[in-house]
Amino acid sequence: MPSPLHIFDLDHTFINENISYRFGQFLYKKKIITLFQTVIVLSYYSLFILGFLSIDKMHRYIFSLIFKNKSSLQITHLVNDFLSKKIDSYVNPVALDLLQKAQKDKCLTALFSSSPDFLVQPIAYFFKFDECLATKYAVDKEGVFCDISLIVEGEVKAAHHAVLCEKYKLNSKENFVYTDSENDLPLMFSAGNCYVFHPNKKLLKYCIANDWTAIYSKEYQ
């Protein structure tokens, strides 16, 4: 029998931070972006958190402000520098334990995130995830970012879950999802087992109604 798939969200689940936000801070300290740009990015993110800006528009605004026409190679080098210094301090030990247990049991693992793939893929590679899904920036023939080719949100995650079930011949209801976000509800409903990190009131109701596990831990705070 194929082993079940364990799907982890990245921000505030597998890591204790928003990786894009922290990378933005890193870019500011490196003087790659200005204080003005940093403030604008924070305002976009705040509007998204408050529900006044969709994830799609937030990504497109930030891409146009920060990454459009930037060298993809330069950003890759900066990401490597950033992650080599910070990633261990950001990892959520509870989620890491769950990942390592799944890997020890020879289960399939996947990292799904709406953050850009140039941030997500190195993390997935470092922690030996079998699969990775992230927002993709298109690169033109000059090697610079020119557009966003894919924005990953809940429906996209659910659809990719179905693709992986077909690829590995899995029963979706035997799979596991680990997340903190109600944006992932389509993904959560597509799987049989959900672990929700520090659910808000809305997600807690879903946990109770669907017999999902809520995870609270001092390590996560």
N, C-alpha and C. Protein backbone atom coordinates (compact mmCIF):
# COMPACT_ATOMS: atom_id res chain seq x y z
N MET A 1 0.84 -1.20 0.00
CA MET A 1 0.00 0.00 0.00
C MET A 1 0.88 1.26 0.00
N PRO A 2 0.58 2.25 -0.85
CA PRO A 2 1.33 3.51 -0.81
C PRO A 2 1.17 4.18 0.55
N SER A 3 2.23 4.82 1.01
CA SER A 3 2.18 5.47 2.31
C SER A 3 1.37 6.76 2.22
N PRO A 4 0.73 7.18 3.33
CA PRO A 4 -0.01 8.45 3.28
C PRO A 4 0.93 9.63 3.08
N LEU A 5 0.35 10.72 2.60
CA LEU A 5 1.06 11.96 2.34
C LEU A 5 0.84 12.92 3.50
N HIS A 6 1.92 13.54 3.97
CA HIS A 6 1.85 14.54 5.03
C HIS A 6 2.19 15.89 4.42
N ILE A 7 1.21 16.81 4.39
CA ILE A 7 1.37 18.11 3.75
C ILE A 7 1.50 19.19 4.83
N PHE A 8 2.58 19.95 4.77
CA PHE A 8 2.84 21.01 5.73
C PHE A 8 2.73 22.38 5.07
N ASP A 9 1.99 23.27 5.70
CA ASP A 9 2.06 24.69 5.36
C ASP A 9 3.39 25.21 5.89
N LEU A 10 3.87 26.32 5.34
CA LEU A 10 5.17 26.86 5.77
C LEU A 10 5.05 27.90 6.86
N ASP A 11 4.48 29.07 6.53
CA ASP A 11 4.46 30.19 7.47
C ASP A 11 3.58 29.91 8.68
N HIS A 12 4.16 30.11 9.87
CA HIS A 12 3.46 29.93 11.14
C HIS A 12 2.99 28.49 11.34
N THR A 13 3.59 27.57 10.61
CA THR A 13 3.32 26.14 10.80
C THR A 13 4.65 25.41 10.86
N PHE A 14 5.27 25.19 9.71
CA PHE A 14 6.57 24.53 9.75
C PHE A 14 7.63 25.47 10.33
N ILE A 15 7.49 26.76 10.06
CA ILE A 15 8.34 27.74 10.74
C ILE A 15 7.46 28.66 11.57
N ASN A 16 8.07 29.31 12.53
CA ASN A 16 7.32 30.18 13.45
C ASN A 16 7.13 31.59 12.92
N GLU A 17 7.56 31.85 11.70
CA GLU A 17 7.57 33.19 11.14
C GLU A 17 6.84 33.22 9.80
N ASN A 18 6.67 34.43 9.27
CA ASN A 18 6.32 34.60 7.87
C ASN A 18 7.64 34.79 7.14
N ILE A 19 8.02 33.78 6.33
CA ILE A 19 9.35 33.78 5.74
C ILE A 19 9.56 34.94 4.78
N SER A 20 8.50 35.34 4.06
CA SER A 20 8.63 36.46 3.12
C SER A 20 8.87 37.77 3.86
N TYR A 21 8.18 37.94 4.99
CA TYR A 21 8.36 39.14 5.81
C TYR A 21 9.80 39.22 6.32
N ARG A 22 10.30 38.10 6.83
CA ARG A 22 11.67 38.08 7.35
C ARG A 22 12.70 38.30 6.24
N PHE A 23 12.43 37.77 5.07
CA PHE A 23 13.34 37.99 3.95
C PHE A 23 13.32 39.46 3.55
N GLY A 24 12.14 40.08 3.62
CA GLY A 24 12.05 41.50 3.34
C GLY A 24 12.89 42.33 4.30
N GLN A 25 12.86 41.96 5.59
CA GLN A 25 13.72 42.64 6.57
C GLN A 25 15.20 42.48 6.21
N PHE A 26 15.53 41.28 5.79
CA PHE A 26 16.91 40.98 5.39
C PHE A 26 17.32 41.85 4.20
N LEU A 27 16.42 41.97 3.21
CA LEU A 27 16.72 42.80 2.04
C LEU A 27 16.90 44.27 2.42
N TYR A 28 16.11 44.73 3.39
CA TYR A 28 16.24 46.11 3.84
C TYR A 28 17.60 46.32 4.52
N LYS A 29 18.00 45.37 5.37
CA LYS A 29 19.29 45.50 6.05
C LYS A 29 20.44 45.45 5.07
N LYS A 30 20.24 44.73 3.98
CA LYS A 30 21.26 44.64 2.94
C LYS A 30 21.20 45.83 1.97
N LYS A 31 20.25 46.72 2.19
CA LYS A 31 20.04 47.91 1.36
C LYS A 31 19.66 47.57 -0.08
N ILE A 32 18.97 46.42 -0.22
CA ILE A 32 18.43 46.04 -1.53
C ILE A 32 17.11 46.74 -1.77
N ILE A 33 16.36 46.97 -0.69
CA ILE A 33 15.12 47.73 -0.78
C ILE A 33 15.18 48.91 0.20
N THR A 34 14.38 49.92 -0.07
CA THR A 34 14.42 51.14 0.73
C THR A 34 13.45 51.07 1.90
N LEU A 35 13.57 52.03 2.80
CA LEU A 35 12.64 52.12 3.92
C LEU A 35 11.23 52.35 3.41
N PHE A 36 11.09 53.19 2.40
CA PHE A 36 9.77 53.46 1.83
C PHE A 36 9.14 52.17 1.30
N GLN A 37 9.91 51.39 0.55
CA GLN A 37 9.39 50.14 0.03
C GLN A 37 8.99 49.19 1.17
N THR A 38 9.78 49.16 2.21
CA THR A 38 9.50 48.30 3.35
C THR A 38 8.18 48.68 4.01
N VAL A 39 7.96 49.96 4.18
CA VAL A 39 6.71 50.44 4.79
C VAL A 39 5.51 50.08 3.92
N ILE A 40 5.65 50.25 2.61
CA ILE A 40 4.56 49.92 1.69
C ILE A 40 4.23 48.43 1.75
N VAL A 41 5.28 47.59 1.77
CA VAL A 41 5.07 46.14 1.86
C VAL A 41 4.33 45.79 3.15
N LEU A 42 4.72 46.40 4.24
CA LEU A 42 4.05 46.14 5.52
C LEU A 42 2.59 46.57 5.48
N SER A 43 2.30 47.64 4.78
CA SER A 43 0.92 48.09 4.68
C SER A 43 0.09 47.11 3.86
N TYR A 44 0.67 46.58 2.77
CA TYR A 44 -0.02 45.56 1.98
C TYR A 44 -0.31 44.32 2.82
N TYR A 45 0.70 43.89 3.56
CA TYR A 45 0.54 42.68 4.38
C TYR A 45 -0.51 42.90 5.46
N SER A 46 -0.52 44.09 6.06
CA SER A 46 -1.52 44.40 7.09
C SER A 46 -2.94 44.39 6.52
N LEU A 47 -3.10 44.94 5.31
CA LEU A 47 -4.41 44.94 4.66
C LEU A 47 -4.86 43.51 4.35
N PHE A 48 -3.91 42.65 3.98
CA PHE A 48 -4.23 41.25 3.73
C PHE A 48 -4.69 40.56 5.02
N ILE A 49 -3.96 40.76 6.10
CA ILE A 49 -4.30 40.15 7.39
C ILE A 49 -5.68 40.60 7.86
N LEU A 50 -6.00 41.87 7.61
CA LEU A 50 -7.29 42.42 8.04
C LEU A 50 -8.43 42.04 7.10
N GLY A 51 -8.11 41.41 5.99
CA GLY A 51 -9.14 40.96 5.05
C GLY A 51 -9.54 41.98 4.00
N PHE A 52 -8.77 43.06 3.88
CA PHE A 52 -9.09 44.10 2.91
C PHE A 52 -8.35 43.94 1.58
N LEU A 53 -7.46 42.96 1.51
CA LEU A 53 -6.68 42.74 0.30
C LEU A 53 -6.57 41.23 0.08
N SER A 54 -6.86 40.79 -1.13
CA SER A 54 -6.78 39.37 -1.43
C SER A 54 -5.31 38.94 -1.51
N ILE A 55 -5.09 37.64 -1.35
CA ILE A 55 -3.72 37.12 -1.43
C ILE A 55 -3.16 37.33 -2.83
N ASP A 56 -4.03 37.25 -3.83
CA ASP A 56 -3.60 37.47 -5.21
C ASP A 56 -3.09 38.90 -5.40
N LYS A 57 -3.88 39.88 -4.97
CA LYS A 57 -3.47 41.27 -5.14
C LYS A 57 -2.25 41.61 -4.29
N MET A 58 -2.18 41.05 -3.08
CA MET A 58 -1.02 41.32 -2.24
C MET A 58 0.26 40.85 -2.94
N HIS A 59 0.23 39.63 -3.49
CA HIS A 59 1.40 39.11 -4.18
C HIS A 59 1.78 39.99 -5.37
N ARG A 60 0.78 40.40 -6.14
CA ARG A 60 1.08 41.17 -7.35
C ARG A 60 1.60 42.56 -7.02
N TYR A 61 1.06 43.18 -5.99
CA TYR A 61 1.54 44.50 -5.58
C TYR A 61 3.00 44.42 -5.11
N ILE A 62 3.28 43.43 -4.27
CA ILE A 62 4.64 43.29 -3.73
C ILE A 62 5.62 42.91 -4.83
N PHE A 63 5.19 42.03 -5.74
CA PHE A 63 6.07 41.67 -6.85
C PHE A 63 6.45 42.90 -7.68
N SER A 64 5.45 43.72 -8.02
CA SER A 64 5.72 44.92 -8.82
C SER A 64 6.61 45.91 -8.09
N LEU A 65 6.44 46.00 -6.78
CA LEU A 65 7.20 46.96 -5.99
C LEU A 65 8.64 46.52 -5.74
N ILE A 66 8.84 45.21 -5.48
CA ILE A 66 10.14 44.74 -5.02
C ILE A 66 10.91 43.90 -6.04
N PHE A 67 10.23 42.97 -6.70
CA PHE A 67 10.96 41.94 -7.45
C PHE A 67 10.95 42.09 -8.97
N LYS A 68 9.99 42.78 -9.51
CA LYS A 68 9.93 42.90 -10.96
C LYS A 68 11.20 43.55 -11.50
N ASN A 69 11.76 42.92 -12.54
CA ASN A 69 12.99 43.37 -13.20
C ASN A 69 14.25 43.20 -12.36
N LYS A 70 14.12 42.45 -11.25
CA LYS A 70 15.31 42.10 -10.47
C LYS A 70 15.92 40.82 -11.03
N SER A 71 17.22 40.70 -10.91
CA SER A 71 17.93 39.50 -11.36
C SER A 71 17.55 38.30 -10.49
N SER A 72 17.09 37.23 -11.12
CA SER A 72 16.73 36.03 -10.36
C SER A 72 17.97 35.42 -9.71
N LEU A 73 19.12 35.53 -10.36
CA LEU A 73 20.36 34.99 -9.81
C LEU A 73 20.77 35.76 -8.56
N GLN A 74 20.63 37.08 -8.59
CA GLN A 74 20.96 37.88 -7.42
C GLN A 74 20.06 37.51 -6.25
N ILE A 75 18.77 37.36 -6.50
CA ILE A 75 17.84 37.01 -5.43
C ILE A 75 18.16 35.62 -4.88
N THR A 76 18.51 34.68 -5.75
CA THR A 76 18.88 33.34 -5.30
C THR A 76 20.07 33.39 -4.35
N HIS A 77 21.09 34.18 -4.70
CA HIS A 77 22.27 34.32 -3.83
C HIS A 77 21.88 34.93 -2.48
N LEU A 78 21.01 35.93 -2.51
CA LEU A 78 20.57 36.56 -1.27
C LEU A 78 19.76 35.59 -0.41
N VAL A 79 18.92 34.78 -1.04
CA VAL A 79 18.13 33.78 -0.31
C VAL A 79 19.06 32.78 0.38
N ASN A 80 20.06 32.31 -0.34
CA ASN A 80 21.00 31.35 0.24
C ASN A 80 21.71 31.94 1.46
N ASP A 81 22.10 33.22 1.35
CA ASP A 81 22.74 33.90 2.47
C ASP A 81 21.77 34.03 3.64
N PHE A 82 20.55 34.43 3.35
CA PHE A 82 19.52 34.61 4.38
C PHE A 82 19.22 33.29 5.10
N LEU A 83 18.96 32.24 4.36
CA LEU A 83 18.57 30.97 4.97
C LEU A 83 19.72 30.32 5.73
N SER A 84 20.92 30.47 5.24
CA SER A 84 22.07 29.85 5.92
C SER A 84 22.27 30.42 7.31
N LYS A 85 21.83 31.65 7.52
CA LYS A 85 22.01 32.31 8.82
C LYS A 85 20.80 32.19 9.73
N LYS A 86 19.59 31.97 9.14
CA LYS A 86 18.37 32.14 9.92
C LYS A 86 17.47 30.92 10.04
N ILE A 87 17.52 29.99 9.09
CA ILE A 87 16.45 29.01 9.00
C ILE A 87 16.31 28.16 10.26
N ASP A 88 17.42 27.75 10.88
CA ASP A 88 17.33 26.90 12.07
C ASP A 88 16.59 27.60 13.20
N SER A 89 16.77 28.92 13.32
CA SER A 89 16.12 29.66 14.41
C SER A 89 14.63 29.87 14.17
N TYR A 90 14.18 29.73 12.91
CA TYR A 90 12.78 29.95 12.58
C TYR A 90 11.94 28.68 12.65
N VAL A 91 12.56 27.52 12.57
CA VAL A 91 11.80 26.26 12.47
C VAL A 91 11.01 26.00 13.75
N ASN A 92 9.77 25.59 13.57
CA ASN A 92 8.90 25.20 14.68
C ASN A 92 9.26 23.78 15.10
N PRO A 93 9.78 23.57 16.31
CA PRO A 93 10.24 22.23 16.70
C PRO A 93 9.12 21.19 16.74
N VAL A 94 7.90 21.63 17.02
CA VAL A 94 6.78 20.69 17.05
C VAL A 94 6.51 20.17 15.64
N ALA A 95 6.46 21.07 14.67
CA ALA A 95 6.24 20.67 13.28
C ALA A 95 7.41 19.84 12.76
N LEU A 96 8.62 20.21 13.16
CA LEU A 96 9.80 19.44 12.73
C LEU A 96 9.73 18.01 13.25
N ASP A 97 9.30 17.85 14.50
CA ASP A 97 9.14 16.50 15.05
C ASP A 97 8.12 15.70 14.26
N LEU A 98 7.02 16.34 13.88
CA LEU A 98 5.98 15.66 13.10
C LEU A 98 6.52 15.26 11.72
N LEU A 99 7.30 16.15 11.11
CA LEU A 99 7.90 15.83 9.82
C LEU A 99 8.86 14.65 9.95
N GLN A 100 9.73 14.70 10.93
CA GLN A 100 10.73 13.65 11.08
C GLN A 100 10.10 12.31 11.41
N LYS A 101 9.01 12.32 12.16
CA LYS A 101 8.30 11.08 12.45
C LYS A 101 7.71 10.49 11.16
N ALA A 102 7.11 11.37 10.34
CA ALA A 102 6.55 10.90 9.06
C ALA A 102 7.65 10.34 8.17
N GLN A 103 8.79 11.00 8.14
CA GLN A 103 9.91 10.53 7.32
C GLN A 103 10.47 9.22 7.86
N LYS A 104 10.53 9.08 9.17
CA LYS A 104 11.00 7.83 9.77
C LYS A 104 10.08 6.68 9.43
N ASP A 105 8.77 6.97 9.34
CA ASP A 105 7.78 5.95 8.98
C ASP A 105 7.70 5.74 7.47
N LYS A 106 8.61 6.40 6.74
CA LYS A 106 8.70 6.29 5.28
C LYS A 106 7.43 6.77 4.57
N CYS A 107 6.81 7.80 5.15
CA CYS A 107 5.65 8.44 4.52
C CYS A 107 6.12 9.50 3.54
N LEU A 108 5.28 9.82 2.59
CA LEU A 108 5.55 10.92 1.67
C LEU A 108 5.31 12.25 2.38
N THR A 109 6.10 13.25 2.05
CA THR A 109 5.94 14.57 2.68
C THR A 109 5.95 15.66 1.62
N ALA A 110 5.22 16.73 1.90
CA ALA A 110 5.15 17.86 0.96
C ALA A 110 5.10 19.17 1.73
N LEU A 111 5.70 20.20 1.16
CA LEU A 111 5.67 21.54 1.71
C LEU A 111 4.91 22.43 0.74
N PHE A 112 3.78 22.98 1.19
CA PHE A 112 2.93 23.85 0.37
C PHE A 112 2.98 25.26 0.95
N SER A 113 3.17 26.26 0.11
CA SER A 113 3.24 27.63 0.63
C SER A 113 2.88 28.63 -0.45
N SER A 114 2.29 29.74 -0.04
CA SER A 114 2.02 30.83 -0.97
C SER A 114 3.23 31.75 -1.12
N SER A 115 4.27 31.52 -0.32
CA SER A 115 5.49 32.31 -0.46
C SER A 115 6.19 31.96 -1.77
N PRO A 116 7.07 32.83 -2.27
CA PRO A 116 7.74 32.58 -3.56
C PRO A 116 8.59 31.32 -3.52
N ASP A 117 8.68 30.63 -4.66
CA ASP A 117 9.39 29.37 -4.71
C ASP A 117 10.89 29.52 -4.46
N PHE A 118 11.46 30.71 -4.72
CA PHE A 118 12.88 30.87 -4.46
C PHE A 118 13.19 30.84 -2.97
N LEU A 119 12.18 31.04 -2.12
CA LEU A 119 12.32 30.87 -0.68
C LEU A 119 11.92 29.48 -0.22
N VAL A 120 10.85 28.96 -0.79
CA VAL A 120 10.27 27.70 -0.31
C VAL A 120 11.07 26.48 -0.75
N GLN A 121 11.50 26.45 -1.99
CA GLN A 121 12.20 25.27 -2.49
C GLN A 121 13.50 24.96 -1.74
N PRO A 122 14.34 25.95 -1.42
CA PRO A 122 15.54 25.61 -0.64
C PRO A 122 15.21 25.03 0.74
N ILE A 123 14.12 25.50 1.36
CA ILE A 123 13.71 24.95 2.65
C ILE A 123 13.23 23.51 2.48
N ALA A 124 12.44 23.28 1.45
CA ALA A 124 11.95 21.92 1.18
C ALA A 124 13.12 20.97 0.92
N TYR A 125 14.10 21.44 0.18
CA TYR A 125 15.27 20.61 -0.12
C TYR A 125 16.08 20.32 1.15
N PHE A 126 16.29 21.34 1.95
CA PHE A 126 17.11 21.18 3.16
C PHE A 126 16.49 20.18 4.13
N PHE A 127 15.16 20.23 4.27
CA PHE A 127 14.48 19.33 5.22
C PHE A 127 13.95 18.06 4.56
N LYS A 128 14.34 17.82 3.31
CA LYS A 128 14.10 16.57 2.61
C LYS A 128 12.63 16.25 2.39
N PHE A 129 11.84 17.27 2.08
CA PHE A 129 10.46 17.04 1.65
C PHE A 129 10.48 16.37 0.28
N ASP A 130 9.51 15.49 0.05
CA ASP A 130 9.43 14.82 -1.25
C ASP A 130 8.85 15.72 -2.33
N GLU A 131 7.95 16.62 -1.95
CA GLU A 131 7.27 17.48 -2.90
C GLU A 131 7.22 18.90 -2.37
N CYS A 132 7.10 19.84 -3.30
CA CYS A 132 7.05 21.26 -2.92
C CYS A 132 6.12 22.00 -3.87
N LEU A 133 5.30 22.87 -3.31
CA LEU A 133 4.42 23.74 -4.10
C LEU A 133 4.54 25.16 -3.55
N ALA A 134 4.81 26.12 -4.43
CA ALA A 134 4.96 27.51 -3.99
C ALA A 134 4.62 28.45 -5.13
N THR A 135 4.39 29.70 -4.78
CA THR A 135 4.13 30.74 -5.78
C THR A 135 5.35 30.87 -6.70
N LYS A 136 5.09 30.97 -8.00
CA LYS A 136 6.19 30.97 -8.97
C LYS A 136 6.30 32.32 -9.68
N TYR A 137 7.52 32.83 -9.73
CA TYR A 137 7.82 34.04 -10.48
C TYR A 137 8.43 33.62 -11.82
N ALA A 138 7.91 34.17 -12.90
CA ALA A 138 8.44 33.88 -14.24
C ALA A 138 9.71 34.69 -14.47
N VAL A 139 10.63 34.08 -15.21
CA VAL A 139 11.92 34.72 -15.53
C VAL A 139 12.03 34.86 -17.04
N ASP A 140 12.43 36.04 -17.53
CA ASP A 140 12.56 36.23 -18.98
C ASP A 140 13.93 35.76 -19.46
N LYS A 141 14.21 35.94 -20.75
CA LYS A 141 15.45 35.43 -21.34
C LYS A 141 16.69 36.13 -20.80
N GLU A 142 16.48 37.27 -20.15
CA GLU A 142 17.61 37.99 -19.55
C GLU A 142 17.87 37.56 -18.11
N GLY A 143 17.03 36.66 -17.62
CA GLY A 143 17.22 36.15 -16.26
C GLY A 143 16.66 37.04 -15.18
N VAL A 144 15.71 37.92 -15.55
CA VAL A 144 15.10 38.80 -14.55
C VAL A 144 13.63 38.41 -14.36
N PHE A 145 13.12 38.67 -13.18
CA PHE A 145 11.72 38.38 -12.90
C PHE A 145 10.83 39.32 -13.71
N CYS A 146 9.86 38.72 -14.42
CA CYS A 146 9.02 39.53 -15.31
C CYS A 146 7.53 39.44 -14.99
N ASP A 147 7.11 38.40 -14.27
CA ASP A 147 5.68 38.22 -14.01
C ASP A 147 5.52 37.16 -12.93
N ILE A 148 4.28 36.98 -12.46
CA ILE A 148 3.95 35.87 -11.56
C ILE A 148 3.18 34.84 -12.38
N SER A 149 3.70 33.63 -12.46
CA SER A 149 3.06 32.59 -13.26
C SER A 149 2.09 31.74 -12.46
N LEU A 150 2.24 31.72 -11.14
CA LEU A 150 1.34 30.93 -10.28
C LEU A 150 1.31 31.54 -8.89
N ILE A 151 0.10 31.79 -8.38
CA ILE A 151 -0.07 32.21 -6.99
C ILE A 151 -0.75 31.06 -6.25
N VAL A 152 -0.13 30.60 -5.20
CA VAL A 152 -0.63 29.44 -4.47
C VAL A 152 -1.53 29.90 -3.32
N GLU A 153 -2.78 29.48 -3.37
CA GLU A 153 -3.70 29.70 -2.25
C GLU A 153 -4.47 28.40 -2.02
N GLY A 154 -5.50 28.45 -1.17
CA GLY A 154 -6.15 27.22 -0.73
C GLY A 154 -6.66 26.31 -1.82
N GLU A 155 -7.32 26.88 -2.81
CA GLU A 155 -7.87 26.07 -3.90
C GLU A 155 -6.76 25.43 -4.74
N VAL A 156 -5.68 26.19 -4.94
CA VAL A 156 -4.54 25.64 -5.69
C VAL A 156 -3.89 24.50 -4.91
N LYS A 157 -3.78 24.67 -3.60
CA LYS A 157 -3.22 23.60 -2.76
C LYS A 157 -4.08 22.35 -2.84
N ALA A 158 -5.40 22.52 -2.76
CA ALA A 158 -6.31 21.38 -2.83
C ALA A 158 -6.19 20.67 -4.17
N ALA A 159 -6.08 21.45 -5.24
CA ALA A 159 -5.95 20.86 -6.58
C ALA A 159 -4.63 20.10 -6.72
N HIS A 160 -3.58 20.65 -6.17
CA HIS A 160 -2.28 19.97 -6.25
C HIS A 160 -2.27 18.72 -5.37
N HIS A 161 -2.99 18.77 -4.27
CA HIS A 161 -3.15 17.57 -3.44
C HIS A 161 -3.74 16.44 -4.28
N ALA A 162 -4.76 16.76 -5.06
CA ALA A 162 -5.39 15.76 -5.94
C ALA A 162 -4.39 15.22 -6.96
N VAL A 163 -3.56 16.12 -7.50
CA VAL A 163 -2.54 15.70 -8.47
C VAL A 163 -1.57 14.71 -7.83
N LEU A 164 -1.14 14.99 -6.60
CA LEU A 164 -0.20 14.10 -5.92
C LEU A 164 -0.85 12.76 -5.57
N CYS A 165 -2.14 12.81 -5.24
CA CYS A 165 -2.86 11.55 -4.96
C CYS A 165 -2.88 10.67 -6.21
N GLU A 166 -3.07 11.29 -7.35
CA GLU A 166 -3.06 10.55 -8.61
C GLU A 166 -1.64 10.04 -8.92
N LYS A 167 -0.66 10.88 -8.71
CA LYS A 167 0.73 10.52 -8.99
C LYS A 167 1.19 9.33 -8.17
N TYR A 168 0.85 9.33 -6.88
CA TYR A 168 1.32 8.28 -5.98
C TYR A 168 0.28 7.21 -5.66
N LYS A 169 -0.89 7.32 -6.31
CA LYS A 169 -1.98 6.35 -6.09
C LYS A 169 -2.40 6.31 -4.62
N LEU A 170 -2.72 7.48 -4.10
CA LEU A 170 -3.08 7.62 -2.69
C LEU A 170 -4.57 7.84 -2.50
N ASN A 171 -5.06 7.43 -1.34
CA ASN A 171 -6.42 7.77 -0.91
C ASN A 171 -6.33 9.10 -0.16
N SER A 172 -6.92 10.14 -0.69
CA SER A 172 -6.79 11.48 -0.11
C SER A 172 -7.23 11.53 1.35
N LYS A 173 -8.20 10.72 1.70
CA LYS A 173 -8.74 10.74 3.06
C LYS A 173 -7.81 10.08 4.08
N GLU A 174 -6.74 9.48 3.61
CA GLU A 174 -5.73 8.92 4.52
C GLU A 174 -4.57 9.88 4.73
N ASN A 175 -4.60 11.01 4.02
CA ASN A 175 -3.49 11.96 4.08
C ASN A 175 -3.65 12.94 5.23
N PHE A 176 -2.55 13.64 5.54
CA PHE A 176 -2.49 14.55 6.68
C PHE A 176 -2.15 15.97 6.21
N VAL A 177 -2.79 16.95 6.83
CA VAL A 177 -2.49 18.36 6.55
C VAL A 177 -2.15 19.05 7.87
N TYR A 178 -1.10 19.86 7.84
CA TYR A 178 -0.68 20.64 9.00
C TYR A 178 -0.66 22.11 8.59
N THR A 179 -1.44 22.93 9.27
CA THR A 179 -1.54 24.33 8.87
C THR A 179 -2.02 25.18 10.05
N ASP A 180 -1.94 26.48 9.87
CA ASP A 180 -2.47 27.40 10.88
C ASP A 180 -3.56 28.30 10.30
N SER A 181 -3.80 28.18 8.98
CA SER A 181 -4.55 29.22 8.28
C SER A 181 -5.91 28.73 7.75
N GLU A 182 -6.91 29.56 7.91
CA GLU A 182 -8.22 29.25 7.34
C GLU A 182 -8.21 29.37 5.83
N ASN A 183 -7.19 30.03 5.27
CA ASN A 183 -7.07 30.06 3.82
C ASN A 183 -6.83 28.67 3.24
N ASP A 184 -6.41 27.75 4.09
CA ASP A 184 -6.15 26.38 3.66
C ASP A 184 -7.34 25.45 3.83
N LEU A 185 -8.50 25.98 4.13
CA LEU A 185 -9.67 25.13 4.33
C LEU A 185 -9.96 24.21 3.13
N PRO A 186 -9.86 24.68 1.88
CA PRO A 186 -10.08 23.75 0.76
C PRO A 186 -9.13 22.56 0.80
N LEU A 187 -7.88 22.81 1.16
CA LEU A 187 -6.91 21.72 1.29
C LEU A 187 -7.28 20.81 2.45
N MET A 188 -7.67 21.41 3.56
CA MET A 188 -8.00 20.62 4.75
C MET A 188 -9.19 19.70 4.50
N PHE A 189 -10.19 20.20 3.79
CA PHE A 189 -11.36 19.38 3.49
C PHE A 189 -11.04 18.27 2.49
N SER A 190 -9.94 18.43 1.76
CA SER A 190 -9.58 17.41 0.77
C SER A 190 -8.81 16.25 1.38
N ALA A 191 -8.41 16.40 2.64
CA ALA A 191 -7.65 15.34 3.32
C ALA A 191 -8.49 14.78 4.47
N GLY A 192 -8.02 13.68 5.04
CA GLY A 192 -8.78 13.04 6.11
C GLY A 192 -8.33 13.40 7.50
N ASN A 193 -7.10 13.93 7.62
CA ASN A 193 -6.52 14.19 8.95
C ASN A 193 -5.89 15.57 8.96
N CYS A 194 -6.33 16.44 9.86
CA CYS A 194 -5.81 17.81 9.91
C CYS A 194 -5.32 18.17 11.30
N TYR A 195 -4.19 18.81 11.33
CA TYR A 195 -3.61 19.33 12.57
C TYR A 195 -3.49 20.84 12.40
N VAL A 196 -4.16 21.59 13.27
CA VAL A 196 -4.25 23.04 13.12
C VAL A 196 -3.46 23.71 14.24
N PHE A 197 -2.45 24.47 13.88
CA PHE A 197 -1.60 25.15 14.86
C PHE A 197 -2.25 26.45 15.32
N HIS A 198 -2.47 26.53 16.63
CA HIS A 198 -3.03 27.73 17.25
C HIS A 198 -4.22 28.29 16.47
N PRO A 199 -5.29 27.50 16.35
CA PRO A 199 -6.44 27.96 15.56
C PRO A 199 -7.12 29.17 16.18
N ASN A 200 -7.60 30.08 15.31
CA ASN A 200 -8.44 31.16 15.79
C ASN A 200 -9.84 30.61 16.07
N LYS A 201 -10.77 31.46 16.46
CA LYS A 201 -12.10 30.98 16.84
C LYS A 201 -12.80 30.27 15.68
N LYS A 202 -12.64 30.82 14.47
CA LYS A 202 -13.29 30.21 13.31
C LYS A 202 -12.73 28.82 13.05
N LEU A 203 -11.40 28.70 13.06
CA LEU A 203 -10.79 27.41 12.80
C LEU A 203 -11.05 26.42 13.92
N LEU A 204 -11.14 26.92 15.15
CA LEU A 204 -11.42 26.02 16.27
C LEU A 204 -12.79 25.37 16.10
N LYS A 205 -13.75 26.12 15.59
CA LYS A 205 -15.08 25.55 15.33
C LYS A 205 -14.99 24.45 14.29
N TYR A 206 -14.18 24.68 13.26
CA TYR A 206 -13.99 23.64 12.25
C TYR A 206 -13.31 22.41 12.85
N CYS A 207 -12.35 22.64 13.75
CA CYS A 207 -11.66 21.53 14.41
C CYS A 207 -12.65 20.66 15.17
N ILE A 208 -13.53 21.32 15.91
CA ILE A 208 -14.52 20.58 16.72
C ILE A 208 -15.50 19.85 15.81
N ALA A 209 -15.98 20.53 14.77
CA ALA A 209 -16.99 19.94 13.89
C ALA A 209 -16.44 18.78 13.05
N ASN A 210 -15.13 18.83 12.72
CA ASN A 210 -14.56 17.84 11.81
C ASN A 210 -13.58 16.88 12.48
N ASP A 211 -13.48 16.98 13.80
CA ASP A 211 -12.58 16.12 14.57
C ASP A 211 -11.12 16.32 14.15
N TRP A 212 -10.75 17.57 13.87
CA TRP A 212 -9.38 17.89 13.58
C TRP A 212 -8.64 18.17 14.88
N THR A 213 -7.34 18.03 14.88
CA THR A 213 -6.53 18.21 16.08
C THR A 213 -5.98 19.64 16.14
N ALA A 214 -6.24 20.32 17.25
CA ALA A 214 -5.68 21.65 17.47
C ALA A 214 -4.39 21.49 18.27
N ILE A 215 -3.34 22.15 17.83
CA ILE A 215 -2.03 22.04 18.48
C ILE A 215 -1.67 23.36 19.13
N TYR A 216 -1.43 23.29 20.44
CA TYR A 216 -0.95 24.44 21.18
C TYR A 216 0.34 24.01 21.88
N SER A 217 1.36 24.84 21.80
CA SER A 217 2.60 24.46 22.46
C SER A 217 3.40 25.70 22.80
N LYS A 218 4.14 25.63 23.90
CA LYS A 218 5.00 26.74 24.29
C LYS A 218 6.09 26.96 23.26
N GLU A 219 6.54 25.87 22.63
CA GLU A 219 7.60 25.99 21.64
C GLU A 219 7.16 26.83 20.46
N TYR A 220 5.85 26.83 20.19
CA TYR A 220 5.35 27.52 19.01
C TYR A 220 5.14 29.01 19.25
N GLN A 221 5.08 29.41 20.50
CA GLN A 221 4.78 30.80 20.80
C GLN A 221 6.03 31.68 20.65
